[in-house]
Amino acid sequence: MKYRRTNPALILALGASMICGVSSAASRELFVVQESQKETQMSKHATGTFEVKTTPQDDKSAEGLGRMMIAKQVHGDFEGTSTGQMLTSMTKTQGSAAYVAIERMTGKLNGRTGSFDLHHVGIMNRGTQQLTITVVPDSGTEQLTGITGTMTIKIADGKHSYEFDYSLPTVP
């Protein structure tokens, strides 16, 4: 069972009904109305490949820091493009670095059209990688409004692929 944050108005209404002596039938009716207004989420898994082009920007603010523009062609369960920006920190220790990025995915995800933003946090600690990519809350548009999820990226033999676990409100 998935737990959701309870609506504060619902808590206040139920509490008031208990204090003021409103019948339990009335409070159950209020609860049913609130429950019927919640969106049902549909969990999905998407996979595919992408080509990426990074363009370094001429930011020479400090040695080891950089900024790049990102452009992707994405294929598979998501068909479309992505544009974004990346900030990097390269250290003098081989295998240690970090990056953050924001990118906007625009296209069609399993038949639903729109866009959404992804937030990246990547850290490499002496060769050990840690990467977190999350959908920016409330960034979905059109048929992708309400999307949530996380993505993983794999690079093998110079080719990029993705796995995307996401949820969307069901279409009525």
C-alpha atoms as a PDB file:
ATOM      1  CA  MET A   1       0.000   0.000   0.000  1.00  0.00           C
ATOM      2  CA  LYS A   2       1.352   3.417  -0.966  1.00  0.00           C
ATOM      3  CA  TYR A   3       0.893   6.163   1.619  1.00  0.00           C
ATOM      4  CA  ARG A   4       0.210   9.715   0.526  1.00  0.00           C
ATOM      5  CA  ARG A   5       0.426  12.941   2.445  1.00  0.00           C
ATOM      6  CA  THR A   6      -2.983  13.629   3.967  1.00  0.00           C
ATOM      7  CA  ASN A   7      -4.824  16.782   2.990  1.00  0.00           C
ATOM      8  CA  PRO A   8      -4.694  19.190   6.005  1.00  0.00           C
ATOM      9  CA  ALA A   9      -8.268  20.327   5.257  1.00  0.00           C
ATOM     10  CA  LEU A  10      -9.411  16.721   5.574  1.00  0.00           C
ATOM     11  CA  ILE A  11      -7.724  16.350   8.972  1.00  0.00           C
ATOM     12  CA  LEU A  12      -9.304  19.595  10.204  1.00  0.00           C
ATOM     13  CA  ALA A  13     -12.757  18.630   8.896  1.00  0.00           C
ATOM     14  CA  LEU A  14     -12.620  15.168  10.460  1.00  0.00           C
ATOM     15  CA  GLY A  15     -11.328  16.610  13.738  1.00  0.00           C
ATOM     16  CA  ALA A  16     -14.043  19.279  13.777  1.00  0.00           C
ATOM     17  CA  SER A  17     -16.723  16.682  13.086  1.00  0.00           C
ATOM     18  CA  MET A  18     -15.550  14.650  16.054  1.00  0.00           C
ATOM     19  CA  ILE A  19     -15.420  17.700  18.372  1.00  0.00           C
ATOM     20  CA  CYS A  20     -18.725  19.217  17.198  1.00  0.00           C
ATOM     21  CA  GLY A  21     -20.591  15.933  17.229  1.00  0.00           C
ATOM     22  CA  VAL A  22     -21.196  15.693  13.475  1.00  0.00           C
ATOM     23  CA  SER A  23     -22.374  12.211  12.668  1.00  0.00           C
ATOM     24  CA  SER A  24     -19.828   9.619  11.629  1.00  0.00           C
ATOM     25  CA  ALA A  25     -21.825   9.136   8.412  1.00  0.00           C
ATOM     26  CA  ALA A  26     -21.213  12.803   7.497  1.00  0.00           C
ATOM     27  CA  SER A  27     -17.495  12.523   8.228  1.00  0.00           C
ATOM     28  CA  ARG A  28     -17.294   9.304   6.148  1.00  0.00           C
ATOM     29  CA  GLU A  29     -19.017  11.144   3.276  1.00  0.00           C
ATOM     30  CA  LEU A  30     -16.454  13.971   3.486  1.00  0.00           C
ATOM     31  CA  PHE A  31     -13.626  11.410   3.470  1.00  0.00           C
ATOM     32  CA  VAL A  32     -15.073   9.662   0.374  1.00  0.00           C
ATOM     33  CA  VAL A  33     -15.308  13.003  -1.477  1.00  0.00           C
ATOM     34  CA  GLN A  34     -11.676  13.818  -0.610  1.00  0.00           C
ATOM     35  CA  GLU A  35     -10.472  10.344  -1.635  1.00  0.00           C
ATOM     36  CA  SER A  36     -12.305  10.521  -4.992  1.00  0.00           C
ATOM     37  CA  GLN A  37     -10.471  13.775  -5.827  1.00  0.00           C
ATOM     38  CA  LYS A  38      -7.024  12.165  -5.590  1.00  0.00           C
ATOM     39  CA  GLU A  39      -5.293  11.243  -8.829  1.00  0.00           C
ATOM     40  CA  THR A  40      -4.503   7.618  -9.463  1.00  0.00           C
ATOM     41  CA  GLN A  41      -0.844   7.126 -10.393  1.00  0.00           C
ATOM     42  CA  MET A  42       0.371   4.684 -13.030  1.00  0.00           C
ATOM     43  CA  SER A  43       3.963   3.356 -12.600  1.00  0.00           C
ATOM     44  CA  LYS A  44       5.927   2.606 -15.755  1.00  0.00           C
ATOM     45  CA  HIS A  45       9.413   1.686 -16.950  1.00  0.00           C
ATOM     46  CA  ALA A  46      10.983   3.151 -20.106  1.00  0.00           C
ATOM     47  CA  THR A  47      14.250   2.269 -21.839  1.00  0.00           C
ATOM     48  CA  GLY A  48      16.174   3.469 -24.835  1.00  0.00           C
ATOM     49  CA  THR A  49      19.324   5.050 -26.192  1.00  0.00           C
ATOM     50  CA  PHE A  50      20.548   8.559 -26.826  1.00  0.00           C
ATOM     51  CA  GLU A  51      23.290  10.510 -28.536  1.00  0.00           C
ATOM     52  CA  VAL A  52      24.698  13.444 -26.595  1.00  0.00           C
ATOM     53  CA  LYS A  53      26.628  16.503 -27.712  1.00  0.00           C
ATOM     54  CA  THR A  54      28.271  18.718 -25.110  1.00  0.00           C
ATOM     55  CA  THR A  55      29.545  22.182 -25.969  1.00  0.00           C
ATOM     56  CA  PRO A  56      31.972  23.739 -23.471  1.00  0.00           C
ATOM     57  CA  GLN A  57      31.183  27.353 -22.620  1.00  0.00           C
ATOM     58  CA  ASP A  58      33.924  29.942 -22.305  1.00  0.00           C
ATOM     59  CA  ASP A  59      33.688  30.359 -18.523  1.00  0.00           C
ATOM     60  CA  LYS A  60      37.150  30.751 -17.049  1.00  0.00           C
ATOM     61  CA  SER A  61      36.016  31.784 -13.562  1.00  0.00           C
ATOM     62  CA  ALA A  62      38.243  29.276 -11.735  1.00  0.00           C
ATOM     63  CA  GLU A  63      40.626  26.483 -12.632  1.00  0.00           C
ATOM     64  CA  GLY A  64      38.891  23.099 -12.663  1.00  0.00           C
ATOM     65  CA  LEU A  65      35.356  24.544 -12.925  1.00  0.00           C
ATOM     66  CA  GLY A  66      33.453  24.377 -16.177  1.00  0.00           C
ATOM     67  CA  ARG A  67      30.065  24.835 -17.809  1.00  0.00           C
ATOM     68  CA  MET A  68      28.673  22.968 -20.809  1.00  0.00           C
ATOM     69  CA  MET A  69      25.572  23.069 -22.956  1.00  0.00           C
ATOM     70  CA  ILE A  70      23.920  19.663 -23.483  1.00  0.00           C
ATOM     71  CA  ALA A  71      21.954  18.540 -26.558  1.00  0.00           C
ATOM     72  CA  LYS A  72      20.537  15.007 -26.862  1.00  0.00           C
ATOM     73  CA  GLN A  73      18.612  12.976 -29.432  1.00  0.00           C
ATOM     74  CA  VAL A  74      16.657  10.384 -27.449  1.00  0.00           C
ATOM     75  CA  HIS A  75      15.220   7.124 -28.831  1.00  0.00           C
ATOM     76  CA  GLY A  76      13.173   4.245 -27.456  1.00  0.00           C
ATOM     77  CA  ASP A  77      10.188   4.521 -25.127  1.00  0.00           C
ATOM     78  CA  PHE A  78      10.913   8.266 -25.062  1.00  0.00           C
ATOM     79  CA  GLU A  79      11.334   9.781 -28.529  1.00  0.00           C
ATOM     80  CA  GLY A  80      12.485  13.368 -28.617  1.00  0.00           C
ATOM     81  CA  THR A  81      15.195  15.823 -27.719  1.00  0.00           C
ATOM     82  CA  SER A  82      16.807  17.253 -24.643  1.00  0.00           C
ATOM     83  CA  THR A  83      18.614  20.516 -23.993  1.00  0.00           C
ATOM     84  CA  GLY A  84      20.298  21.624 -20.817  1.00  0.00           C
ATOM     85  CA  GLN A  85      23.286  22.954 -18.950  1.00  0.00           C
ATOM     86  CA  MET A  86      25.938  21.233 -16.866  1.00  0.00           C
ATOM     87  CA  LEU A  87      28.358  22.593 -14.268  1.00  0.00           C
ATOM     88  CA  THR A  88      31.495  20.547 -13.569  1.00  0.00           C
ATOM     89  CA  SER A  89      34.294  20.376 -11.046  1.00  0.00           C
ATOM     90  CA  MET A  90      37.444  18.510 -12.018  1.00  0.00           C
ATOM     91  CA  THR A  91      40.014  17.838  -9.296  1.00  0.00           C
ATOM     92  CA  LYS A  92      43.730  17.143  -9.486  1.00  0.00           C
ATOM     93  CA  THR A  93      43.097  13.630  -8.168  1.00  0.00           C
ATOM     94  CA  GLN A  94      42.519  11.242 -11.039  1.00  0.00           C
ATOM     95  CA  GLY A  95      39.020   9.722 -10.895  1.00  0.00           C
ATOM     96  CA  SER A  96      37.538  12.431  -8.653  1.00  0.00           C
ATOM     97  CA  ALA A  97      35.059  14.974 -10.052  1.00  0.00           C
ATOM     98  CA  ALA A  98      31.463  16.154  -9.782  1.00  0.00           C
ATOM     99  CA  TYR A  99      28.724  17.610 -11.939  1.00  0.00           C
ATOM    100  CA  VAL A 100      25.227  18.998 -11.661  1.00  0.00           C
ATOM    101  CA  ALA A 101      22.898  19.505 -14.594  1.00  0.00           C
ATOM    102  CA  ILE A 102      19.371  20.512 -15.503  1.00  0.00           C
ATOM    103  CA  GLU A 103      17.881  19.341 -18.784  1.00  0.00           C
ATOM    104  CA  ARG A 104      14.479  19.616 -20.433  1.00  0.00           C
ATOM    105  CA  MET A 105      13.186  16.495 -22.182  1.00  0.00           C
ATOM    106  CA  THR A 106      10.691  17.280 -24.960  1.00  0.00           C
ATOM    107  CA  GLY A 107       8.897  14.638 -26.997  1.00  0.00           C
ATOM    108  CA  LYS A 108       6.692  11.596 -26.611  1.00  0.00           C
ATOM    109  CA  LEU A 109       6.897   9.140 -23.699  1.00  0.00           C
ATOM    110  CA  ASN A 110       5.033   5.908 -24.409  1.00  0.00           C
ATOM    111  CA  GLY A 111       2.457   7.757 -26.512  1.00  0.00           C
ATOM    112  CA  ARG A 112       2.067  10.827 -24.267  1.00  0.00           C
ATOM    113  CA  THR A 113       3.380  14.177 -25.562  1.00  0.00           C
ATOM    114  CA  GLY A 114       4.940  16.949 -23.496  1.00  0.00           C
ATOM    115  CA  SER A 115       8.087  17.914 -21.658  1.00  0.00           C
ATOM    116  CA  PHE A 116       9.634  17.568 -18.208  1.00  0.00           C
ATOM    117  CA  ASP A 117      12.876  18.564 -16.530  1.00  0.00           C
ATOM    118  CA  LEU A 118      15.565  16.322 -15.056  1.00  0.00           C
ATOM    119  CA  HIS A 119      17.988  17.239 -12.255  1.00  0.00           C
ATOM    120  CA  HIS A 120      21.390  15.442 -12.266  1.00  0.00           C
ATOM    121  CA  VAL A 121      23.892  15.091  -9.423  1.00  0.00           C
ATOM    122  CA  GLY A 122      27.007  13.109 -10.319  1.00  0.00           C
ATOM    123  CA  ILE A 123      29.986  12.421  -8.098  1.00  0.00           C
ATOM    124  CA  MET A 124      33.090  10.369  -8.805  1.00  0.00           C
ATOM    125  CA  ASN A 125      35.217   9.600  -5.765  1.00  0.00           C
ATOM    126  CA  ARG A 126      38.550   8.099  -6.900  1.00  0.00           C
ATOM    127  CA  GLY A 127      36.802   6.104  -9.603  1.00  0.00           C
ATOM    128  CA  THR A 128      33.647   5.153  -7.690  1.00  0.00           C
ATOM    129  CA  GLN A 129      30.643   6.698  -9.410  1.00  0.00           C
ATOM    130  CA  GLN A 130      27.379   7.869  -7.884  1.00  0.00           C
ATOM    131  CA  LEU A 131      24.691   9.361 -10.123  1.00  0.00           C
ATOM    132  CA  THR A 132      21.200  10.525  -9.215  1.00  0.00           C
ATOM    133  CA  ILE A 133      18.798  11.805 -11.880  1.00  0.00           C
ATOM    134  CA  THR A 134      15.345  12.895 -10.729  1.00  0.00           C
ATOM    135  CA  VAL A 135      12.340  14.500 -12.410  1.00  0.00           C
ATOM    136  CA  VAL A 136      12.001  18.092 -11.185  1.00  0.00           C
ATOM    137  CA  PRO A 137       8.690  18.256  -9.258  1.00  0.00           C
ATOM    138  CA  ASP A 138       5.797  19.848 -11.174  1.00  0.00           C
ATOM    139  CA  SER A 139       7.907  20.326 -14.336  1.00  0.00           C
ATOM    140  CA  GLY A 140       5.743  18.124 -16.592  1.00  0.00           C
ATOM    141  CA  THR A 141       3.677  19.772 -19.320  1.00  0.00           C
ATOM    142  CA  GLU A 142       0.773  18.761 -21.570  1.00  0.00           C
ATOM    143  CA  GLN A 143       0.116  14.990 -21.328  1.00  0.00           C
ATOM    144  CA  LEU A 144       3.154  14.602 -19.038  1.00  0.00           C
ATOM    145  CA  THR A 145       1.769  16.902 -16.336  1.00  0.00           C
ATOM    146  CA  GLY A 146       2.222  15.286 -12.925  1.00  0.00           C
ATOM    147  CA  ILE A 147       5.149  13.063 -13.967  1.00  0.00           C
ATOM    148  CA  THR A 148       7.560  11.897 -11.254  1.00  0.00           C
ATOM    149  CA  GLY A 149      10.468   9.501 -11.473  1.00  0.00           C
ATOM    150  CA  THR A 150      14.146   8.655 -11.578  1.00  0.00           C
ATOM    151  CA  MET A 151      16.479   7.821 -14.429  1.00  0.00           C
ATOM    152  CA  THR A 152      19.711   5.873 -14.724  1.00  0.00           C
ATOM    153  CA  ILE A 153      22.254   6.243 -17.510  1.00  0.00           C
ATOM    154  CA  LYS A 154      24.568   3.521 -18.730  1.00  0.00           C
ATOM    155  CA  ILE A 155      27.569   3.979 -21.007  1.00  0.00           C
ATOM    156  CA  ALA A 156      28.994   0.857 -22.668  1.00  0.00           C
ATOM    157  CA  ASP A 157      31.422   0.838 -25.585  1.00  0.00           C
ATOM    158  CA  GLY A 158      30.853   4.576 -26.089  1.00  0.00           C
ATOM    159  CA  LYS A 159      27.059   4.156 -26.467  1.00  0.00           C
ATOM    160  CA  HIS A 160      24.582   5.780 -24.055  1.00  0.00           C
ATOM    161  CA  SER A 161      21.369   4.169 -22.833  1.00  0.00           C
ATOM    162  CA  TYR A 162      18.788   5.042 -20.201  1.00  0.00           C
ATOM    163  CA  GLU A 163      16.316   3.350 -17.900  1.00  0.00           C
ATOM    164  CA  PHE A 164      13.501   5.520 -16.593  1.00  0.00           C
ATOM    165  CA  ASP A 165      11.142   4.524 -13.780  1.00  0.00           C
ATOM    166  CA  TYR A 166       8.283   7.004 -13.688  1.00  0.00           C
ATOM    167  CA  SER A 167       4.705   7.558 -12.595  1.00  0.00           C
ATOM    168  CA  LEU A 168       1.979   9.564 -14.303  1.00  0.00           C
ATOM    169  CA  PRO A 169      -1.605  10.297 -13.369  1.00  0.00           C
ATOM    170  CA  THR A 170      -3.898   7.887 -15.192  1.00  0.00           C
ATOM    171  CA  VAL A 171      -5.801   9.237 -18.144  1.00  0.00           C
ATOM    172  CA  PRO A 172      -9.534   9.447 -17.307  1.00  0.00           C
END
